[in-house]
Amino acid sequence: MAKKIQSLFMGMCASLIMLVIVSIFNNALKPFVISQLAEFQPIPSLAVTVTPAVLGDTVSTESAELAKVKRVVDGDTIELENGQKLRYIGMDTPESVKPNTPVQCFAKAAVARNKELVEGKEVRLVKDVSDKDRFQRLLRYVYVDDVLVNETLIKEGLAFSRSYPPDISMQDQFRQAEAQARANNIGLWASCTIIPKGKTESAVGE
């Protein structure tokens, strides 16, 4: 009987000693585990952010391309460094170089502002639907950094909003810009004689 009690006592002591050892081990290990978890940084997901080239609803960013402007031909037409002519989409400026057409009201101001915006600069070109017009000029929305040149010329009263289907993805935006310029008598809206169709004294051409 004494041996059984002694054996039971020894077992209880062994269990108690094991609990103490485990407790000490856990307390010693816990700060190390916490420090390791604090240093652990999850691998970031490989997310690709696509910056839209155009703020319109339906223009694809996949059509964006870079080019350098060699010279300004007119308020709405430029020549690229590769010799290709480009016509701005969705707007018209008064004529300054059209054959057999007098220089129209505010045409020189539109040319000067266009030069200020793009001449000699790298621009971002964005296609709508058509690639070229019947004169084989590229049809594009033109950006300098984040400035949409087509819209800027309209906003500043140097151009008219014009719809040329099927390239009309940003036409509502351009019409609003024209309405604002007209309401505030900006640019040609204050200085030129406007006929009912919204063109200058001599009809605005292509």
N, C-alpha and C. Protein backbone atom coordinates (compact mmCIF):
# COMPACT_ATOMS: atom_id res chain seq x y z
N MET A 1 0.83 -1.20 0.00
CA MET A 1 0.00 0.00 0.00
C MET A 1 0.86 1.26 0.00
N ALA A 2 1.93 1.24 0.80
CA ALA A 2 2.83 2.37 0.87
C ALA A 2 3.52 2.61 -0.46
N LYS A 3 3.85 1.48 -1.15
CA LYS A 3 4.49 1.62 -2.47
C LYS A 3 3.56 2.28 -3.48
N LYS A 4 2.26 1.95 -3.44
CA LYS A 4 1.30 2.55 -4.37
C LYS A 4 1.18 4.04 -4.14
N ILE A 5 1.11 4.42 -2.81
CA ILE A 5 1.00 5.84 -2.49
C ILE A 5 2.25 6.58 -2.95
N GLN A 6 3.43 5.95 -2.72
CA GLN A 6 4.68 6.56 -3.14
C GLN A 6 4.73 6.74 -4.66
N SER A 7 4.24 5.70 -5.37
CA SER A 7 4.25 5.76 -6.83
C SER A 7 3.31 6.86 -7.34
N LEU A 8 2.13 6.95 -6.69
CA LEU A 8 1.17 7.98 -7.09
C LEU A 8 1.74 9.37 -6.82
N PHE A 9 2.42 9.52 -5.65
CA PHE A 9 3.02 10.81 -5.29
C PHE A 9 4.09 11.21 -6.29
N MET A 10 4.91 10.23 -6.70
CA MET A 10 5.98 10.51 -7.66
C MET A 10 5.39 10.91 -9.01
N GLY A 11 4.29 10.28 -9.41
CA GLY A 11 3.65 10.63 -10.68
C GLY A 11 3.09 12.03 -10.67
N MET A 12 2.48 12.42 -9.55
CA MET A 12 1.94 13.77 -9.43
C MET A 12 3.05 14.80 -9.47
N CYS A 13 4.16 14.48 -8.79
CA CYS A 13 5.30 15.41 -8.81
C CYS A 13 5.86 15.58 -10.22
N ALA A 14 5.94 14.46 -10.94
CA ALA A 14 6.46 14.52 -12.32
C ALA A 14 5.56 15.37 -13.21
N SER A 15 4.25 15.18 -13.04
CA SER A 15 3.30 15.96 -13.83
C SER A 15 3.40 17.45 -13.52
N LEU A 16 3.55 17.76 -12.22
CA LEU A 16 3.67 19.14 -11.81
C LEU A 16 4.93 19.79 -12.37
N ILE A 17 6.01 19.02 -12.33
CA ILE A 17 7.28 19.53 -12.86
C ILE A 17 7.15 19.79 -14.37
N MET A 18 6.47 18.90 -15.09
CA MET A 18 6.28 19.07 -16.54
C MET A 18 5.47 20.32 -16.85
N LEU A 19 4.41 20.55 -16.02
CA LEU A 19 3.59 21.75 -16.22
C LEU A 19 4.41 23.01 -16.02
N VAL A 20 5.27 23.00 -14.99
CA VAL A 20 6.11 24.16 -14.72
C VAL A 20 7.08 24.40 -15.88
N ILE A 21 7.67 23.31 -16.38
CA ILE A 21 8.62 23.44 -17.50
C ILE A 21 7.93 23.98 -18.75
N VAL A 22 6.74 23.45 -19.04
CA VAL A 22 6.00 23.92 -20.22
C VAL A 22 5.62 25.39 -20.09
N SER A 23 5.21 25.77 -18.87
CA SER A 23 4.84 27.17 -18.64
C SER A 23 6.03 28.09 -18.85
N ILE A 24 7.19 27.69 -18.31
CA ILE A 24 8.40 28.51 -18.46
C ILE A 24 8.79 28.60 -19.94
N PHE A 25 8.71 27.47 -20.64
CA PHE A 25 9.07 27.44 -22.06
C PHE A 25 8.16 28.34 -22.89
N ASN A 26 6.85 28.29 -22.58
CA ASN A 26 5.90 29.12 -23.33
C ASN A 26 6.15 30.60 -23.10
N ASN A 27 6.40 30.98 -21.85
CA ASN A 27 6.66 32.39 -21.54
C ASN A 27 7.93 32.89 -22.21
N ALA A 28 8.92 32.01 -22.31
CA ALA A 28 10.18 32.40 -22.95
C ALA A 28 10.03 32.48 -24.46
N LEU A 29 9.21 31.61 -25.03
CA LEU A 29 9.06 31.54 -26.49
C LEU A 29 8.10 32.59 -27.04
N LYS A 30 7.11 33.00 -26.23
CA LYS A 30 6.06 33.90 -26.71
C LYS A 30 6.59 35.21 -27.30
N PRO A 31 7.52 35.95 -26.61
CA PRO A 31 8.04 37.20 -27.21
C PRO A 31 8.73 36.98 -28.54
N PHE A 32 9.43 35.84 -28.67
CA PHE A 32 10.12 35.54 -29.94
C PHE A 32 9.13 35.35 -31.07
N VAL A 33 8.06 34.59 -30.78
CA VAL A 33 7.04 34.35 -31.81
C VAL A 33 6.37 35.65 -32.22
N ILE A 34 6.06 36.51 -31.20
CA ILE A 34 5.40 37.79 -31.51
C ILE A 34 6.29 38.66 -32.36
N SER A 35 7.60 38.69 -32.03
CA SER A 35 8.52 39.53 -32.80
C SER A 35 8.64 39.04 -34.23
N GLN A 36 8.63 37.73 -34.42
CA GLN A 36 8.72 37.18 -35.77
C GLN A 36 7.48 37.50 -36.58
N LEU A 37 6.32 37.43 -35.93
CA LEU A 37 5.08 37.77 -36.63
C LEU A 37 5.04 39.24 -37.00
N ALA A 38 5.60 40.10 -36.13
CA ALA A 38 5.61 41.53 -36.41
C ALA A 38 6.47 41.85 -37.61
N GLU A 39 7.55 41.07 -37.80
CA GLU A 39 8.46 41.33 -38.91
C GLU A 39 7.95 40.74 -40.22
N PHE A 40 7.01 39.84 -40.11
CA PHE A 40 6.49 39.18 -41.31
C PHE A 40 5.64 40.15 -42.12
N GLN A 41 5.94 40.27 -43.41
CA GLN A 41 5.18 41.13 -44.32
C GLN A 41 4.61 40.27 -45.44
N PRO A 42 3.30 40.29 -45.61
CA PRO A 42 2.73 39.49 -46.70
C PRO A 42 3.19 39.98 -48.05
N ILE A 43 3.32 39.10 -49.02
CA ILE A 43 3.72 39.46 -50.37
C ILE A 43 2.59 40.22 -51.05
N PRO A 44 2.84 41.44 -51.51
CA PRO A 44 1.77 42.23 -52.13
C PRO A 44 1.28 41.59 -53.41
N SER A 45 0.00 41.79 -53.69
CA SER A 45 -0.55 41.25 -54.93
C SER A 45 -0.05 42.08 -56.09
N LEU A 46 0.13 41.46 -57.23
CA LEU A 46 0.65 42.13 -58.41
C LEU A 46 -0.50 42.76 -59.17
N ALA A 47 -0.95 43.91 -58.69
CA ALA A 47 -2.06 44.63 -59.32
C ALA A 47 -1.53 45.60 -60.35
N VAL A 48 -2.17 45.68 -61.51
CA VAL A 48 -1.77 46.59 -62.57
C VAL A 48 -2.81 47.69 -62.67
N THR A 49 -2.37 48.93 -62.52
CA THR A 49 -3.27 50.07 -62.63
C THR A 49 -3.20 50.65 -64.03
N VAL A 50 -4.33 50.74 -64.70
CA VAL A 50 -4.39 51.30 -66.04
C VAL A 50 -4.96 52.70 -65.97
N THR A 51 -4.19 53.70 -66.40
CA THR A 51 -4.65 55.07 -66.42
C THR A 51 -5.33 55.35 -67.75
N PRO A 52 -6.63 55.68 -67.74
CA PRO A 52 -7.32 55.92 -69.00
C PRO A 52 -6.72 57.11 -69.73
N ALA A 53 -6.59 56.96 -71.03
CA ALA A 53 -6.03 58.05 -71.83
C ALA A 53 -7.05 59.11 -72.12
N VAL A 54 -8.31 58.72 -72.09
CA VAL A 54 -9.38 59.66 -72.38
C VAL A 54 -10.45 59.53 -71.32
N LEU A 55 -11.05 60.65 -70.92
CA LEU A 55 -12.04 60.63 -69.87
C LEU A 55 -13.44 60.35 -70.39
N GLY A 56 -13.59 60.15 -71.67
CA GLY A 56 -14.90 59.86 -72.24
C GLY A 56 -15.38 58.48 -71.86
N ASP A 57 -16.64 58.17 -72.20
CA ASP A 57 -17.23 56.93 -71.74
C ASP A 57 -16.81 55.72 -72.55
N THR A 58 -16.55 55.90 -73.85
CA THR A 58 -16.39 54.72 -74.69
C THR A 58 -15.07 54.65 -75.44
N VAL A 59 -14.19 55.63 -75.26
CA VAL A 59 -12.93 55.61 -75.99
C VAL A 59 -11.99 54.62 -75.32
N SER A 60 -11.42 53.70 -76.09
CA SER A 60 -10.55 52.68 -75.54
C SER A 60 -9.15 53.21 -75.29
N THR A 61 -8.60 52.89 -74.11
CA THR A 61 -7.24 53.30 -73.79
C THR A 61 -6.22 52.54 -74.62
N GLU A 62 -6.63 51.42 -75.22
CA GLU A 62 -5.70 50.61 -76.00
C GLU A 62 -5.25 51.33 -77.27
N SER A 63 -6.00 52.37 -77.68
CA SER A 63 -5.66 53.07 -78.92
C SER A 63 -4.65 54.20 -78.71
N ALA A 64 -4.22 54.42 -77.46
CA ALA A 64 -3.31 55.52 -77.17
C ALA A 64 -1.93 55.28 -77.78
N GLU A 65 -1.32 56.34 -78.30
CA GLU A 65 0.03 56.27 -78.85
C GLU A 65 0.72 57.62 -78.63
N LEU A 66 2.04 57.61 -78.60
CA LEU A 66 2.80 58.83 -78.40
C LEU A 66 3.39 59.31 -79.72
N ALA A 67 3.47 60.62 -79.87
CA ALA A 67 4.06 61.20 -81.08
C ALA A 67 4.54 62.60 -80.75
N LYS A 68 5.44 63.12 -81.58
CA LYS A 68 5.92 64.48 -81.40
C LYS A 68 5.36 65.37 -82.49
N VAL A 69 4.93 66.55 -82.11
CA VAL A 69 4.32 67.49 -83.06
C VAL A 69 5.42 68.29 -83.74
N LYS A 70 5.47 68.20 -85.06
CA LYS A 70 6.46 68.95 -85.84
C LYS A 70 6.04 70.40 -86.00
N ARG A 71 4.77 70.61 -86.39
CA ARG A 71 4.28 71.98 -86.57
C ARG A 71 2.76 72.00 -86.50
N VAL A 72 2.23 73.18 -86.26
CA VAL A 72 0.79 73.41 -86.27
C VAL A 72 0.39 73.93 -87.64
N VAL A 73 -0.56 73.27 -88.28
CA VAL A 73 -1.03 73.67 -89.60
C VAL A 73 -2.14 74.70 -89.48
N ASP A 74 -3.06 74.44 -88.56
CA ASP A 74 -4.25 75.28 -88.38
C ASP A 74 -4.69 75.13 -86.93
N GLY A 75 -5.79 75.77 -86.59
CA GLY A 75 -6.27 75.66 -85.22
C GLY A 75 -6.69 74.26 -84.84
N ASP A 76 -7.08 73.45 -85.83
CA ASP A 76 -7.53 72.08 -85.54
C ASP A 76 -6.73 71.01 -86.26
N THR A 77 -5.59 71.37 -86.83
CA THR A 77 -4.79 70.42 -87.61
C THR A 77 -3.31 70.59 -87.28
N ILE A 78 -2.62 69.46 -87.13
CA ILE A 78 -1.19 69.50 -86.85
C ILE A 78 -0.46 68.52 -87.76
N GLU A 79 0.84 68.68 -87.82
CA GLU A 79 1.68 67.72 -88.55
C GLU A 79 2.65 67.09 -87.55
N LEU A 80 2.72 65.76 -87.58
CA LEU A 80 3.59 65.04 -86.67
C LEU A 80 5.01 64.97 -87.24
N GLU A 81 5.93 64.56 -86.40
CA GLU A 81 7.34 64.51 -86.79
C GLU A 81 7.57 63.56 -87.96
N ASN A 82 6.72 62.54 -88.10
CA ASN A 82 6.86 61.59 -89.20
C ASN A 82 6.22 62.07 -90.50
N GLY A 83 5.71 63.30 -90.51
CA GLY A 83 5.11 63.87 -91.72
C GLY A 83 3.62 63.66 -91.84
N GLN A 84 3.03 62.87 -90.96
CA GLN A 84 1.60 62.58 -91.02
C GLN A 84 0.79 63.76 -90.49
N LYS A 85 -0.24 64.16 -91.25
CA LYS A 85 -1.16 65.20 -90.79
C LYS A 85 -2.19 64.59 -89.84
N LEU A 86 -2.64 65.39 -88.90
CA LEU A 86 -3.62 64.92 -87.92
C LEU A 86 -4.69 65.99 -87.71
N ARG A 87 -5.94 65.56 -87.73
CA ARG A 87 -7.09 66.45 -87.52
C ARG A 87 -7.71 66.12 -86.17
N TYR A 88 -7.91 67.15 -85.34
CA TYR A 88 -8.54 66.95 -84.04
C TYR A 88 -9.98 66.47 -84.21
N ILE A 89 -10.38 65.51 -83.39
CA ILE A 89 -11.75 64.98 -83.45
C ILE A 89 -12.71 65.92 -82.70
N GLY A 90 -13.92 66.05 -83.23
CA GLY A 90 -15.02 66.63 -82.48
C GLY A 90 -15.08 68.14 -82.40
N MET A 91 -14.30 68.84 -83.21
CA MET A 91 -14.31 70.30 -83.14
C MET A 91 -13.80 70.92 -84.42
N ASP A 92 -14.10 72.21 -84.57
CA ASP A 92 -13.65 73.02 -85.71
C ASP A 92 -13.12 74.33 -85.17
N THR A 93 -12.11 74.86 -85.82
CA THR A 93 -11.69 76.23 -85.54
C THR A 93 -11.91 77.06 -86.80
N PRO A 94 -12.03 78.37 -86.68
CA PRO A 94 -12.15 79.22 -87.86
C PRO A 94 -10.97 79.01 -88.80
N GLU A 95 -11.22 79.10 -90.09
CA GLU A 95 -10.21 78.79 -91.10
C GLU A 95 -9.13 79.88 -91.20
N SER A 96 -7.89 79.40 -91.34
CA SER A 96 -6.78 80.34 -91.53
C SER A 96 -5.96 80.02 -92.76
N VAL A 97 -6.06 78.78 -93.26
CA VAL A 97 -5.21 78.38 -94.39
C VAL A 97 -5.99 77.69 -95.51
N LYS A 98 -7.32 77.66 -95.44
CA LYS A 98 -8.10 76.98 -96.46
C LYS A 98 -8.03 77.75 -97.77
N PRO A 99 -7.71 77.06 -98.89
CA PRO A 99 -7.62 77.74 -100.20
C PRO A 99 -8.92 78.47 -100.55
N ASN A 100 -8.77 79.62 -101.14
CA ASN A 100 -9.91 80.44 -101.60
C ASN A 100 -10.86 80.84 -100.47
N THR A 101 -10.37 80.82 -99.24
CA THR A 101 -11.18 81.20 -98.09
C THR A 101 -10.44 82.27 -97.30
N PRO A 102 -11.07 83.40 -97.02
CA PRO A 102 -10.39 84.44 -96.23
C PRO A 102 -10.13 83.96 -94.81
N VAL A 103 -9.13 84.54 -94.19
CA VAL A 103 -8.86 84.20 -92.79
C VAL A 103 -10.06 84.64 -91.95
N GLN A 104 -10.61 83.70 -91.21
CA GLN A 104 -11.84 83.97 -90.49
C GLN A 104 -11.59 84.55 -89.09
N CYS A 105 -12.65 85.10 -88.54
CA CYS A 105 -12.59 85.72 -87.23
C CYS A 105 -12.06 84.74 -86.18
N PHE A 106 -11.05 85.15 -85.46
CA PHE A 106 -10.42 84.42 -84.37
C PHE A 106 -9.58 83.23 -84.85
N ALA A 107 -9.37 83.09 -86.16
CA ALA A 107 -8.57 81.98 -86.68
C ALA A 107 -7.12 82.08 -86.21
N LYS A 108 -6.55 83.28 -86.27
CA LYS A 108 -5.15 83.45 -85.87
C LYS A 108 -4.96 83.18 -84.38
N ALA A 109 -5.96 83.56 -83.58
CA ALA A 109 -5.87 83.29 -82.14
C ALA A 109 -5.91 81.79 -81.87
N ALA A 110 -6.73 81.07 -82.65
CA ALA A 110 -6.81 79.61 -82.48
C ALA A 110 -5.49 78.94 -82.86
N VAL A 111 -4.89 79.41 -83.95
CA VAL A 111 -3.59 78.85 -84.38
C VAL A 111 -2.53 79.13 -83.32
N ALA A 112 -2.50 80.35 -82.82
CA ALA A 112 -1.50 80.72 -81.82
C ALA A 112 -1.63 79.88 -80.56
N ARG A 113 -2.86 79.66 -80.11
CA ARG A 113 -3.08 78.86 -78.90
C ARG A 113 -2.74 77.40 -79.15
N ASN A 114 -3.05 76.90 -80.33
CA ASN A 114 -2.71 75.52 -80.66
C ASN A 114 -1.20 75.33 -80.65
N LYS A 115 -0.48 76.30 -81.19
CA LYS A 115 0.99 76.24 -81.16
C LYS A 115 1.51 76.22 -79.73
N GLU A 116 0.92 77.06 -78.92
CA GLU A 116 1.34 77.14 -77.52
C GLU A 116 1.13 75.81 -76.80
N LEU A 117 0.05 75.13 -77.15
CA LEU A 117 -0.29 73.88 -76.48
C LEU A 117 0.56 72.71 -76.94
N VAL A 118 0.82 72.59 -78.27
CA VAL A 118 1.38 71.33 -78.76
C VAL A 118 2.66 71.41 -79.58
N GLU A 119 2.96 72.54 -80.20
CA GLU A 119 4.07 72.55 -81.17
C GLU A 119 5.41 72.20 -80.51
N GLY A 120 6.09 71.22 -81.12
CA GLY A 120 7.39 70.77 -80.62
C GLY A 120 7.30 69.86 -79.41
N LYS A 121 6.10 69.51 -78.99
CA LYS A 121 5.92 68.70 -77.78
C LYS A 121 5.53 67.26 -78.11
N GLU A 122 5.79 66.39 -77.14
CA GLU A 122 5.31 65.01 -77.25
C GLU A 122 3.86 64.99 -76.78
N VAL A 123 3.00 64.37 -77.58
CA VAL A 123 1.58 64.31 -77.27
C VAL A 123 1.11 62.86 -77.25
N ARG A 124 -0.01 62.66 -76.59
CA ARG A 124 -0.64 61.34 -76.56
C ARG A 124 -1.86 61.37 -77.47
N LEU A 125 -1.93 60.45 -78.39
CA LEU A 125 -2.99 60.41 -79.39
C LEU A 125 -3.93 59.25 -79.10
N VAL A 126 -5.22 59.54 -79.12
CA VAL A 126 -6.22 58.51 -78.84
C VAL A 126 -7.25 58.48 -79.96
N LYS A 127 -7.44 57.31 -80.51
CA LYS A 127 -8.40 57.12 -81.61
C LYS A 127 -9.79 56.87 -81.05
N ASP A 128 -10.80 57.29 -81.79
CA ASP A 128 -12.18 56.98 -81.43
C ASP A 128 -12.60 55.74 -82.24
N VAL A 129 -13.24 55.94 -83.37
CA VAL A 129 -13.64 54.81 -84.23
C VAL A 129 -12.84 54.85 -85.53
N SER A 130 -12.88 55.98 -86.22
CA SER A 130 -12.18 56.10 -87.50
C SER A 130 -10.69 56.32 -87.30
N ASP A 131 -9.90 55.83 -88.26
CA ASP A 131 -8.46 56.05 -88.20
C ASP A 131 -8.08 57.33 -88.94
N LYS A 132 -8.68 57.53 -90.13
CA LYS A 132 -8.35 58.71 -90.95
C LYS A 132 -9.61 59.29 -91.57
N ASP A 133 -9.50 60.56 -92.00
CA ASP A 133 -10.61 61.17 -92.73
C ASP A 133 -10.37 61.02 -94.23
N ARG A 134 -11.23 61.65 -95.05
CA ARG A 134 -11.12 61.46 -96.50
C ARG A 134 -9.90 62.15 -97.08
N PHE A 135 -9.26 63.00 -96.31
CA PHE A 135 -8.02 63.64 -96.75
C PHE A 135 -6.79 62.89 -96.25
N GLN A 136 -7.04 61.70 -95.68
CA GLN A 136 -5.97 60.83 -95.15
C GLN A 136 -5.24 61.44 -93.95
N ARG A 137 -5.93 62.31 -93.25
CA ARG A 137 -5.38 62.84 -91.99
C ARG A 137 -5.81 61.91 -90.86
N LEU A 138 -4.92 61.68 -89.91
CA LEU A 138 -5.28 60.92 -88.73
C LEU A 138 -6.38 61.66 -87.97
N LEU A 139 -7.30 60.93 -87.37
CA LEU A 139 -8.34 61.51 -86.53
C LEU A 139 -8.08 61.08 -85.10
N ARG A 140 -7.81 62.06 -84.22
CA ARG A 140 -7.42 61.70 -82.86
C ARG A 140 -7.88 62.76 -81.85
N TYR A 141 -8.02 62.28 -80.60
CA TYR A 141 -8.05 63.17 -79.45
C TYR A 141 -6.59 63.36 -79.06
N VAL A 142 -6.19 64.58 -78.77
CA VAL A 142 -4.78 64.89 -78.53
C VAL A 142 -4.59 65.42 -77.10
N TYR A 143 -3.68 64.76 -76.40
CA TYR A 143 -3.37 65.14 -75.02
C TYR A 143 -1.94 65.64 -74.89
N VAL A 144 -1.76 66.69 -74.12
CA VAL A 144 -0.43 67.10 -73.65
C VAL A 144 -0.49 66.91 -72.14
N ASP A 145 0.25 65.92 -71.63
CA ASP A 145 0.11 65.51 -70.23
C ASP A 145 -1.36 65.15 -69.99
N ASP A 146 -2.05 65.84 -69.09
CA ASP A 146 -3.45 65.53 -68.82
C ASP A 146 -4.41 66.53 -69.47
N VAL A 147 -3.89 67.38 -70.34
CA VAL A 147 -4.72 68.40 -71.00
C VAL A 147 -5.24 67.87 -72.33
N LEU A 148 -6.54 67.79 -72.47
CA LEU A 148 -7.15 67.38 -73.73
C LEU A 148 -7.26 68.62 -74.62
N VAL A 149 -6.44 68.69 -75.65
CA VAL A 149 -6.33 69.89 -76.47
C VAL A 149 -7.64 70.19 -77.19
N ASN A 150 -8.29 69.16 -77.72
CA ASN A 150 -9.57 69.36 -78.43
C ASN A 150 -10.55 70.15 -77.55
N GLU A 151 -10.72 69.69 -76.33
CA GLU A 151 -11.67 70.32 -75.42
C GLU A 151 -11.19 71.70 -74.95
N THR A 152 -9.89 71.83 -74.74
CA THR A 152 -9.35 73.10 -74.27
C THR A 152 -9.62 74.23 -75.25
N LEU A 153 -9.44 73.97 -76.53
CA LEU A 153 -9.70 75.00 -77.54
C LEU A 153 -11.17 75.41 -77.57
N ILE A 154 -12.05 74.44 -77.32
CA ILE A 154 -13.48 74.75 -77.26
C ILE A 154 -13.79 75.57 -76.01
N LYS A 155 -13.26 75.14 -74.87
CA LYS A 155 -13.51 75.83 -73.60
C LYS A 155 -13.05 77.29 -73.64
N GLU A 156 -11.95 77.52 -74.35
CA GLU A 156 -11.38 78.86 -74.39
C GLU A 156 -11.98 79.73 -75.49
N GLY A 157 -13.06 79.25 -76.11
CA GLY A 157 -13.75 80.03 -77.13
C GLY A 157 -12.97 80.19 -78.41
N LEU A 158 -12.15 79.20 -78.74
CA LEU A 158 -11.34 79.24 -79.96
C LEU A 158 -11.79 78.22 -80.99
N ALA A 159 -12.79 77.42 -80.64
CA ALA A 159 -13.26 76.36 -81.53
C ALA A 159 -14.72 76.07 -81.24
N PHE A 160 -15.36 75.44 -82.23
CA PHE A 160 -16.74 75.00 -82.11
C PHE A 160 -16.77 73.49 -81.89
N SER A 161 -17.72 73.02 -81.12
CA SER A 161 -17.97 71.59 -81.00
C SER A 161 -18.65 71.12 -82.28
N ARG A 162 -18.14 70.04 -82.89
CA ARG A 162 -18.72 69.51 -84.12
C ARG A 162 -18.80 67.99 -84.06
N SER A 163 -19.95 67.44 -84.42
CA SER A 163 -20.15 66.00 -84.42
C SER A 163 -19.88 65.43 -85.81
N TYR A 164 -18.97 64.48 -85.88
CA TYR A 164 -18.67 63.80 -87.13
C TYR A 164 -18.76 62.30 -86.88
N PRO A 165 -20.00 61.73 -86.95
CA PRO A 165 -20.15 60.29 -86.70
C PRO A 165 -19.25 59.49 -87.62
N PRO A 166 -18.72 58.37 -87.15
CA PRO A 166 -19.05 57.71 -85.88
C PRO A 166 -18.16 58.14 -84.70
N ASP A 167 -17.34 59.17 -84.90
CA ASP A 167 -16.37 59.54 -83.85
C ASP A 167 -16.99 60.57 -82.90
N ILE A 168 -17.88 60.11 -82.05
CA ILE A 168 -18.66 61.03 -81.21
C ILE A 168 -18.63 60.64 -79.73
N SER A 169 -17.64 59.88 -79.31
CA SER A 169 -17.61 59.38 -77.93
C SER A 169 -17.56 60.50 -76.89
N MET A 170 -16.96 61.62 -77.24
CA MET A 170 -16.81 62.71 -76.28
C MET A 170 -17.63 63.94 -76.66
N GLN A 171 -18.60 63.75 -77.54
CA GLN A 171 -19.31 64.91 -78.06
C GLN A 171 -20.15 65.64 -77.02
N ASP A 172 -20.77 64.90 -76.11
CA ASP A 172 -21.54 65.56 -75.06
C ASP A 172 -20.65 66.46 -74.21
N GLN A 173 -19.47 65.97 -73.90
CA GLN A 173 -18.51 66.75 -73.12
C GLN A 173 -18.08 68.00 -73.87
N PHE A 174 -17.87 67.86 -75.18
CA PHE A 174 -17.46 69.01 -75.99
C PHE A 174 -18.60 70.03 -76.12
N ARG A 175 -19.82 69.54 -76.26
CA ARG A 175 -20.97 70.45 -76.37
C ARG A 175 -21.13 71.28 -75.09
N GLN A 176 -20.92 70.62 -73.95
CA GLN A 176 -21.01 71.34 -72.68
C GLN A 176 -19.93 72.42 -72.58
N ALA A 177 -18.74 72.09 -73.07
CA ALA A 177 -17.65 73.07 -73.06
C ALA A 177 -17.99 74.26 -73.94
N GLU A 178 -18.58 74.01 -75.11
CA GLU A 178 -18.98 75.10 -76.00
C GLU A 178 -20.08 75.95 -75.38
N ALA A 179 -21.05 75.30 -74.76
CA ALA A 179 -22.16 76.03 -74.15
C ALA A 179 -21.65 76.95 -73.04
N GLN A 180 -20.67 76.47 -72.29
CA GLN A 180 -20.11 77.28 -71.21
C GLN A 180 -19.35 78.48 -71.76
N ALA A 181 -18.56 78.24 -72.81
CA ALA A 181 -17.80 79.35 -73.42
C ALA A 181 -18.75 80.38 -74.03
N ARG A 182 -19.80 79.89 -74.66
CA ARG A 182 -20.76 80.81 -75.29
C ARG A 182 -21.52 81.62 -74.25
N ALA A 183 -21.93 80.96 -73.17
CA ALA A 183 -22.68 81.64 -72.11
C ALA A 183 -21.84 82.73 -71.43
N ASN A 184 -20.53 82.50 -71.37
CA ASN A 184 -19.63 83.44 -70.71
C ASN A 184 -18.96 84.42 -71.68
N ASN A 185 -19.39 84.37 -72.96
CA ASN A 185 -18.84 85.27 -73.98
C ASN A 185 -17.31 85.22 -74.02
N ILE A 186 -16.80 84.00 -74.10
CA ILE A 186 -15.36 83.80 -74.14
C ILE A 186 -14.89 83.69 -75.60
N GLY A 187 -13.76 84.32 -75.89
CA GLY A 187 -13.15 84.17 -77.20
C GLY A 187 -14.01 84.66 -78.33
N LEU A 188 -14.17 83.81 -79.35
CA LEU A 188 -14.91 84.21 -80.55
C LEU A 188 -16.37 84.51 -80.26
N TRP A 189 -16.91 83.95 -79.18
CA TRP A 189 -18.31 84.20 -78.85
C TRP A 189 -18.54 85.66 -78.46
N ALA A 190 -17.50 86.33 -78.05
CA ALA A 190 -17.61 87.75 -77.70
C ALA A 190 -17.20 88.67 -78.84
N SER A 191 -16.35 88.16 -79.74
CA SER A 191 -15.73 89.05 -80.73
C SER A 191 -16.19 88.84 -82.15
N CYS A 192 -16.81 87.72 -82.46
CA CYS A 192 -17.15 87.40 -83.86
C CYS A 192 -18.65 87.43 -84.08
N THR A 193 -19.02 87.69 -85.33
CA THR A 193 -20.42 87.62 -85.71
C THR A 193 -20.77 86.16 -85.95
N ILE A 194 -21.72 85.64 -85.17
CA ILE A 194 -22.08 84.23 -85.25
C ILE A 194 -23.39 84.06 -86.01
N ILE A 195 -23.41 83.14 -86.97
CA ILE A 195 -24.63 82.85 -87.70
C ILE A 195 -25.38 81.71 -86.99
N PRO A 196 -26.66 81.47 -87.31
CA PRO A 196 -27.48 80.51 -86.56
C PRO A 196 -26.87 79.13 -86.36
N LYS A 197 -26.11 78.65 -87.34
CA LYS A 197 -25.56 77.31 -87.19
C LYS A 197 -24.34 77.29 -86.27
N GLY A 198 -23.98 78.43 -85.74
CA GLY A 198 -22.89 78.47 -84.78
C GLY A 198 -21.53 78.61 -85.41
N LYS A 199 -21.49 79.04 -86.70
CA LYS A 199 -20.22 79.22 -87.39
C LYS A 199 -19.94 80.70 -87.54
N THR A 200 -18.72 81.01 -87.92
CA THR A 200 -18.37 82.42 -88.10
C THR A 200 -18.94 82.93 -89.41
N GLU A 201 -18.66 84.20 -89.75
CA GLU A 201 -19.24 84.86 -90.92
C GLU A 201 -19.06 84.01 -92.19
N SER A 202 -17.84 83.47 -92.36
CA SER A 202 -17.63 82.52 -93.44
C SER A 202 -17.74 81.13 -92.83
N ALA A 203 -18.47 80.27 -93.50
CA ALA A 203 -18.74 78.95 -92.90
C ALA A 203 -17.41 78.25 -92.57
N VAL A 204 -17.38 77.65 -91.40
CA VAL A 204 -16.19 76.93 -90.99
C VAL A 204 -16.08 75.66 -91.81
N GLY A 205 -14.92 75.43 -92.40
CA GLY A 205 -14.73 74.27 -93.26
C GLY A 205 -14.05 73.13 -92.56
N GLU A 206 -13.53 72.21 -93.35
CA GLU A 206 -12.90 71.03 -92.78
C GLU A 206 -11.43 71.27 -92.54
